[in-house]
Amino acid sequence: MPTISLPRPREIQGLLTQTAAAIAQEQLTSAEIDRAMLGVEQVRTARSRFYDGMSEGSRNRRH
């Protein structure tokens, strides 16, 4: 199976900064903004699950 190359966090941050500027300059439609925000929410959810799993793991190691 081929390996997927993901953008580095710095590259993602750059894209988000550019997206924010485009929104501020009214260069995106409401649908485009909603699509971008869906991606942001997916990242937030994944981050929360990741940190929740880390804290569960540390609790399990104490017992």
PDB file of N, CA and C in Angstrom:
ATOM      1  N   MET A   1       0.849  -1.176   0.000  1.00  0.00           N
ATOM      2  CA  MET A   1       0.000   0.000   0.000  1.00  0.00           C
ATOM      3  C   MET A   1       0.895   1.240   0.000  1.00  0.00           C
ATOM      4  N   PRO A   2       0.595   2.239  -0.848  1.00  0.00           N
ATOM      5  CA  PRO A   2       1.441   3.434  -0.908  1.00  0.00           C
ATOM      6  C   PRO A   2       1.317   4.278   0.357  1.00  0.00           C
ATOM      7  N   THR A   3       2.402   4.927   0.692  1.00  0.00           N
ATOM      8  CA  THR A   3       2.425   5.812   1.855  1.00  0.00           C
ATOM      9  C   THR A   3       1.862   7.173   1.464  1.00  0.00           C
ATOM     10  N   ILE A   4       1.020   7.726   2.318  1.00  0.00           N
ATOM     11  CA  ILE A   4       0.443   9.048   2.065  1.00  0.00           C
ATOM     12  C   ILE A   4       1.348  10.092   2.699  1.00  0.00           C
ATOM     13  N   SER A   5       1.709  11.083   1.923  1.00  0.00           N
ATOM     14  CA  SER A   5       2.549  12.159   2.436  1.00  0.00           C
ATOM     15  C   SER A   5       1.646  13.305   2.897  1.00  0.00           C
ATOM     16  N   LEU A   6       1.649  13.552   4.175  1.00  0.00           N
ATOM     17  CA  LEU A   6       0.837  14.629   4.743  1.00  0.00           C
ATOM     18  C   LEU A   6       1.638  15.921   4.799  1.00  0.00           C
ATOM     19  N   PRO A   7       0.962  17.067   4.676  1.00  0.00           N
ATOM     20  CA  PRO A   7       1.690  18.330   4.838  1.00  0.00           C
ATOM     21  C   PRO A   7       2.164  18.472   6.282  1.00  0.00           C
ATOM     22  N   ARG A   8       3.246  19.165   6.438  1.00  0.00           N
ATOM     23  CA  ARG A   8       3.785  19.413   7.775  1.00  0.00           C
ATOM     24  C   ARG A   8       2.895  20.428   8.498  1.00  0.00           C
ATOM     25  N   PRO A   9       2.886  20.393   9.826  1.00  0.00           N
ATOM     26  CA  PRO A   9       2.055  21.345  10.577  1.00  0.00           C
ATOM     27  C   PRO A   9       2.298  22.804  10.189  1.00  0.00           C
ATOM     28  N   ARG A  10       3.533  23.164   9.894  1.00  0.00           N
ATOM     29  CA  ARG A  10       3.832  24.536   9.477  1.00  0.00           C
ATOM     30  C   ARG A  10       3.141  24.886   8.162  1.00  0.00           C
ATOM     31  N   GLU A  11       3.095  23.908   7.254  1.00  0.00           N
ATOM     32  CA  GLU A  11       2.416  24.123   5.972  1.00  0.00           C
ATOM     33  C   GLU A  11       0.913  24.276   6.178  1.00  0.00           C
ATOM     34  N   ILE A  12       0.366  23.467   7.064  1.00  0.00           N
ATOM     35  CA  ILE A  12      -1.064  23.570   7.378  1.00  0.00           C
ATOM     36  C   ILE A  12      -1.360  24.927   8.003  1.00  0.00           C
ATOM     37  N   GLN A  13      -0.520  25.350   8.927  1.00  0.00           N
ATOM     38  CA  GLN A  13      -0.697  26.657   9.555  1.00  0.00           C
ATOM     39  C   GLN A  13      -0.672  27.763   8.503  1.00  0.00           C
ATOM     40  N   GLY A  14       0.217  27.654   7.531  1.00  0.00           N
ATOM     41  CA  GLY A  14       0.287  28.643   6.463  1.00  0.00           C
ATOM     42  C   GLY A  14      -0.993  28.683   5.636  1.00  0.00           C
ATOM     43  N   LEU A  15      -1.541  27.502   5.338  1.00  0.00           N
ATOM     44  CA  LEU A  15      -2.799  27.438   4.597  1.00  0.00           C
ATOM     45  C   LEU A  15      -3.940  28.058   5.395  1.00  0.00           C
ATOM     46  N   LEU A  16      -3.959  27.794   6.693  1.00  0.00           N
ATOM     47  CA  LEU A  16      -5.016  28.376   7.537  1.00  0.00           C
ATOM     48  C   LEU A  16      -4.887  29.895   7.616  1.00  0.00           C
ATOM     49  N   THR A  17      -3.670  30.388   7.673  1.00  0.00           N
ATOM     50  CA  THR A  17      -3.444  31.837   7.689  1.00  0.00           C
ATOM     51  C   THR A  17      -3.917  32.463   6.385  1.00  0.00           C
ATOM     52  N   GLN A  18      -3.597  31.816   5.275  1.00  0.00           N
ATOM     53  CA  GLN A  18      -4.048  32.308   3.969  1.00  0.00           C
ATOM     54  C   GLN A  18      -5.572  32.261   3.866  1.00  0.00           C
ATOM     55  N   THR A  19      -6.163  31.207   4.404  1.00  0.00           N
ATOM     56  CA  THR A  19      -7.618  31.078   4.385  1.00  0.00           C
ATOM     57  C   THR A  19      -8.259  32.182   5.216  1.00  0.00           C
ATOM     58  N   ALA A  20      -7.695  32.455   6.383  1.00  0.00           N
ATOM     59  CA  ALA A  20      -8.227  33.524   7.233  1.00  0.00           C
ATOM     60  C   ALA A  20      -8.155  34.873   6.517  1.00  0.00           C
ATOM     61  N   ALA A  21      -7.058  35.114   5.826  1.00  0.00           N
ATOM     62  CA  ALA A  21      -6.912  36.370   5.082  1.00  0.00           C
ATOM     63  C   ALA A  21      -7.945  36.447   3.958  1.00  0.00           C
ATOM     64  N   ALA A  22      -8.168  35.339   3.267  1.00  0.00           N
ATOM     65  CA  ALA A  22      -9.156  35.319   2.187  1.00  0.00           C
ATOM     66  C   ALA A  22     -10.561  35.577   2.725  1.00  0.00           C
ATOM     67  N   ILE A  23     -10.854  35.025   3.892  1.00  0.00           N
ATOM     68  CA  ILE A  23     -12.158  35.268   4.516  1.00  0.00           C
ATOM     69  C   ILE A  23     -12.285  36.746   4.880  1.00  0.00           C
ATOM     70  N   ALA A  24     -11.253  37.290   5.497  1.00  0.00           N
ATOM     71  CA  ALA A  24     -11.276  38.701   5.912  1.00  0.00           C
ATOM     72  C   ALA A  24     -11.444  39.629   4.714  1.00  0.00           C
ATOM     73  N   GLN A  25     -10.896  39.229   3.576  1.00  0.00           N
ATOM     74  CA  GLN A  25     -10.981  40.053   2.364  1.00  0.00           C
ATOM     75  C   GLN A  25     -12.199  39.697   1.510  1.00  0.00           C
ATOM     76  N   GLU A  26     -13.078  38.865   2.074  1.00  0.00           N
ATOM     77  CA  GLU A  26     -14.322  38.462   1.410  1.00  0.00           C
ATOM     78  C   GLU A  26     -14.083  37.823   0.042  1.00  0.00           C
ATOM     79  N   GLN A  27     -13.036  37.004  -0.043  1.00  0.00           N
ATOM     80  CA  GLN A  27     -12.696  36.337  -1.300  1.00  0.00           C
ATOM     81  C   GLN A  27     -13.299  34.938  -1.407  1.00  0.00           C
ATOM     82  N   LEU A  28     -13.925  34.458  -0.335  1.00  0.00           N
ATOM     83  CA  LEU A  28     -14.504  33.118  -0.343  1.00  0.00           C
ATOM     84  C   LEU A  28     -16.018  33.211  -0.184  1.00  0.00           C
ATOM     85  N   THR A  29     -16.698  32.237  -0.737  1.00  0.00           N
ATOM     86  CA  THR A  29     -18.147  32.161  -0.565  1.00  0.00           C
ATOM     87  C   THR A  29     -18.452  31.541   0.804  1.00  0.00           C
ATOM     88  N   SER A  30     -19.702  31.663   1.211  1.00  0.00           N
ATOM     89  CA  SER A  30     -20.126  31.037   2.474  1.00  0.00           C
ATOM     90  C   SER A  30     -19.891  29.533   2.436  1.00  0.00           C
ATOM     91  N   ALA A  31     -20.165  28.911   1.304  1.00  0.00           N
ATOM     92  CA  ALA A  31     -19.959  27.464   1.176  1.00  0.00           C
ATOM     93  C   ALA A  31     -18.479  27.098   1.314  1.00  0.00           C
ATOM     94  N   GLU A  32     -17.602  27.908   0.752  1.00  0.00           N
ATOM     95  CA  GLU A  32     -16.158  27.647   0.865  1.00  0.00           C
ATOM     96  C   GLU A  32     -15.682  27.815   2.304  1.00  0.00           C
ATOM     97  N   ILE A  33     -16.214  28.814   2.964  1.00  0.00           N
ATOM     98  CA  ILE A  33     -15.853  29.018   4.374  1.00  0.00           C
ATOM     99  C   ILE A  33     -16.339  27.839   5.209  1.00  0.00           C
ATOM    100  N   ASP A  34     -17.571  27.403   4.976  1.00  0.00           N
ATOM    101  CA  ASP A  34     -18.121  26.263   5.716  1.00  0.00           C
ATOM    102  C   ASP A  34     -17.285  25.006   5.479  1.00  0.00           C
ATOM    103  N   ARG A  35     -16.844  24.803   4.254  1.00  0.00           N
ATOM    104  CA  ARG A  35     -16.014  23.629   3.940  1.00  0.00           C
ATOM    105  C   ARG A  35     -14.691  23.696   4.702  1.00  0.00           C
ATOM    106  N   ALA A  36     -14.071  24.864   4.723  1.00  0.00           N
ATOM    107  CA  ALA A  36     -12.802  25.027   5.457  1.00  0.00           C
ATOM    108  C   ALA A  36     -13.020  24.795   6.948  1.00  0.00           C
ATOM    109  N   MET A  37     -14.111  25.323   7.477  1.00  0.00           N
ATOM    110  CA  MET A  37     -14.378  25.179   8.908  1.00  0.00           C
ATOM    111  C   MET A  37     -14.696  23.731   9.278  1.00  0.00           C
ATOM    112  N   LEU A  38     -15.294  22.977   8.362  1.00  0.00           N
ATOM    113  CA  LEU A  38     -15.521  21.558   8.617  1.00  0.00           C
ATOM    114  C   LEU A  38     -14.184  20.855   8.835  1.00  0.00           C
ATOM    115  N   GLY A  39     -13.201  21.192   8.015  1.00  0.00           N
ATOM    116  CA  GLY A  39     -11.869  20.613   8.193  1.00  0.00           C
ATOM    117  C   GLY A  39     -11.252  21.006   9.523  1.00  0.00           C
ATOM    118  N   VAL A  40     -11.435  22.264   9.916  1.00  0.00           N
ATOM    119  CA  VAL A  40     -10.913  22.735  11.204  1.00  0.00           C
ATOM    120  C   VAL A  40     -11.566  21.959  12.344  1.00  0.00           C
ATOM    121  N   GLU A  41     -12.882  21.779  12.275  1.00  0.00           N
ATOM    122  CA  GLU A  41     -13.594  21.038  13.324  1.00  0.00           C
ATOM    123  C   GLU A  41     -13.141  19.583  13.388  1.00  0.00           C
ATOM    124  N   GLN A  42     -12.846  18.985  12.236  1.00  0.00           N
ATOM    125  CA  GLN A  42     -12.351  17.602  12.228  1.00  0.00           C
ATOM    126  C   GLN A  42     -10.993  17.511  12.919  1.00  0.00           C
ATOM    127  N   VAL A  43     -10.152  18.500  12.707  1.00  0.00           N
ATOM    128  CA  VAL A  43      -8.844  18.526  13.365  1.00  0.00           C
ATOM    129  C   VAL A  43      -9.026  18.703  14.872  1.00  0.00           C
ATOM    130  N   ARG A  44      -9.919  19.597  15.271  1.00  0.00           N
ATOM    131  CA  ARG A  44     -10.170  19.809  16.708  1.00  0.00           C
ATOM    132  C   ARG A  44     -10.679  18.544  17.377  1.00  0.00           C
ATOM    133  N   THR A  45     -11.583  17.850  16.719  1.00  0.00           N
ATOM    134  CA  THR A  45     -12.127  16.606  17.275  1.00  0.00           C
ATOM    135  C   THR A  45     -11.028  15.558  17.419  1.00  0.00           C
ATOM    136  N   ALA A  46     -10.207  15.423  16.384  1.00  0.00           N
ATOM    137  CA  ALA A  46      -9.109  14.449  16.435  1.00  0.00           C
ATOM    138  C   ALA A  46      -8.127  14.803  17.544  1.00  0.00           C
ATOM    139  N   ARG A  47      -7.828  16.107  17.688  1.00  0.00           N
ATOM    140  CA  ARG A  47      -6.918  16.544  18.749  1.00  0.00           C
ATOM    141  C   ARG A  47      -7.488  16.199  20.113  1.00  0.00           C
ATOM    142  N   SER A  48      -8.767  16.464  20.325  1.00  0.00           N
ATOM    143  CA  SER A  48      -9.403  16.163  21.617  1.00  0.00           C
ATOM    144  C   SER A  48      -9.343  14.670  21.921  1.00  0.00           C
ATOM    145  N   ARG A  49      -9.646  13.856  20.923  1.00  0.00           N
ATOM    146  CA  ARG A  49      -9.587  12.406  21.127  1.00  0.00           C
ATOM    147  C   ARG A  49      -8.169  11.951  21.425  1.00  0.00           C
ATOM    148  N   PHE A  50      -7.195  12.548  20.754  1.00  0.00           N
ATOM    149  CA  PHE A  50      -5.799  12.199  20.980  1.00  0.00           C
ATOM    150  C   PHE A  50      -5.406  12.501  22.430  1.00  0.00           C
ATOM    151  N   TYR A  51      -5.718  13.729  22.901  1.00  0.00           N
ATOM    152  CA  TYR A  51      -5.348  14.097  24.260  1.00  0.00           C
ATOM    153  C   TYR A  51      -6.156  13.341  25.298  1.00  0.00           C
ATOM    154  N   ASP A  52      -7.431  13.051  24.998  1.00  0.00           N
ATOM    155  CA  ASP A  52      -8.220  12.226  25.914  1.00  0.00           C
ATOM    156  C   ASP A  52      -7.594  10.846  26.052  1.00  0.00           C
ATOM    157  N   GLY A  53      -7.160  10.277  24.940  1.00  0.00           N
ATOM    158  CA  GLY A  53      -6.511   8.971  24.964  1.00  0.00           C
ATOM    159  C   GLY A  53      -5.202   8.991  25.731  1.00  0.00           C
ATOM    160  N   MET A  54      -4.462  10.095  25.606  1.00  0.00           N
ATOM    161  CA  MET A  54      -3.202  10.220  26.346  1.00  0.00           C
ATOM    162  C   MET A  54      -3.469  10.252  27.840  1.00  0.00           C
ATOM    163  N   SER A  55      -4.478  11.028  28.264  1.00  0.00           N
ATOM    164  CA  SER A  55      -4.744  11.123  29.695  1.00  0.00           C
ATOM    165  C   SER A  55      -5.291   9.800  30.229  1.00  0.00           C
ATOM    166  N   GLU A  56      -6.078   9.090  29.431  1.00  0.00           N
ATOM    167  CA  GLU A  56      -6.538   7.763  29.849  1.00  0.00           C
ATOM    168  C   GLU A  56      -5.368   6.812  29.990  1.00  0.00           C
ATOM    169  N   GLY A  57      -4.423   6.900  29.064  1.00  0.00           N
ATOM    170  CA  GLY A  57      -3.247   6.047  29.121  1.00  0.00           C
ATOM    171  C   GLY A  57      -2.423   6.294  30.363  1.00  0.00           C
ATOM    172  N   SER A  58      -2.282   7.573  30.733  1.00  0.00           N
ATOM    173  CA  SER A  58      -1.489   7.882  31.935  1.00  0.00           C
ATOM    174  C   SER A  58      -2.225   7.453  33.189  1.00  0.00           C
ATOM    175  N   ARG A  59      -3.564   7.510  33.181  1.00  0.00           N
ATOM    176  CA  ARG A  59      -4.339   7.021  34.335  1.00  0.00           C
ATOM    177  C   ARG A  59      -4.190   5.527  34.462  1.00  0.00           C
ATOM    178  N   ASN A  60      -4.206   4.825  33.340  1.00  0.00           N
ATOM    179  CA  ASN A  60      -4.085   3.353  33.366  1.00  0.00           C
ATOM    180  C   ASN A  60      -2.716   2.922  33.866  1.00  0.00           C
ATOM    181  N   ARG A  61      -1.693   3.717  33.585  1.00  0.00           N
ATOM    182  CA  ARG A  61      -0.350   3.342  34.036  1.00  0.00           C
ATOM    183  C   ARG A  61      -0.177   3.510  35.533  1.00  0.00           C
ATOM    184  N   ARG A  62      -0.982   4.354  36.157  1.00  0.00           N
ATOM    185  CA  ARG A  62      -0.848   4.575  37.604  1.00  0.00           C
ATOM    186  C   ARG A  62      -1.409   3.410  38.410  1.00  0.00           C
ATOM    187  N   HIS A  63      -2.331   2.648  37.797  1.00  0.00           N
ATOM    188  CA  HIS A  63      -2.988   1.559  38.555  1.00  0.00           C
ATOM    189  C   HIS A  63      -2.246   0.279  38.430  1.00  0.00           C
TER     190      HIS A  63
END
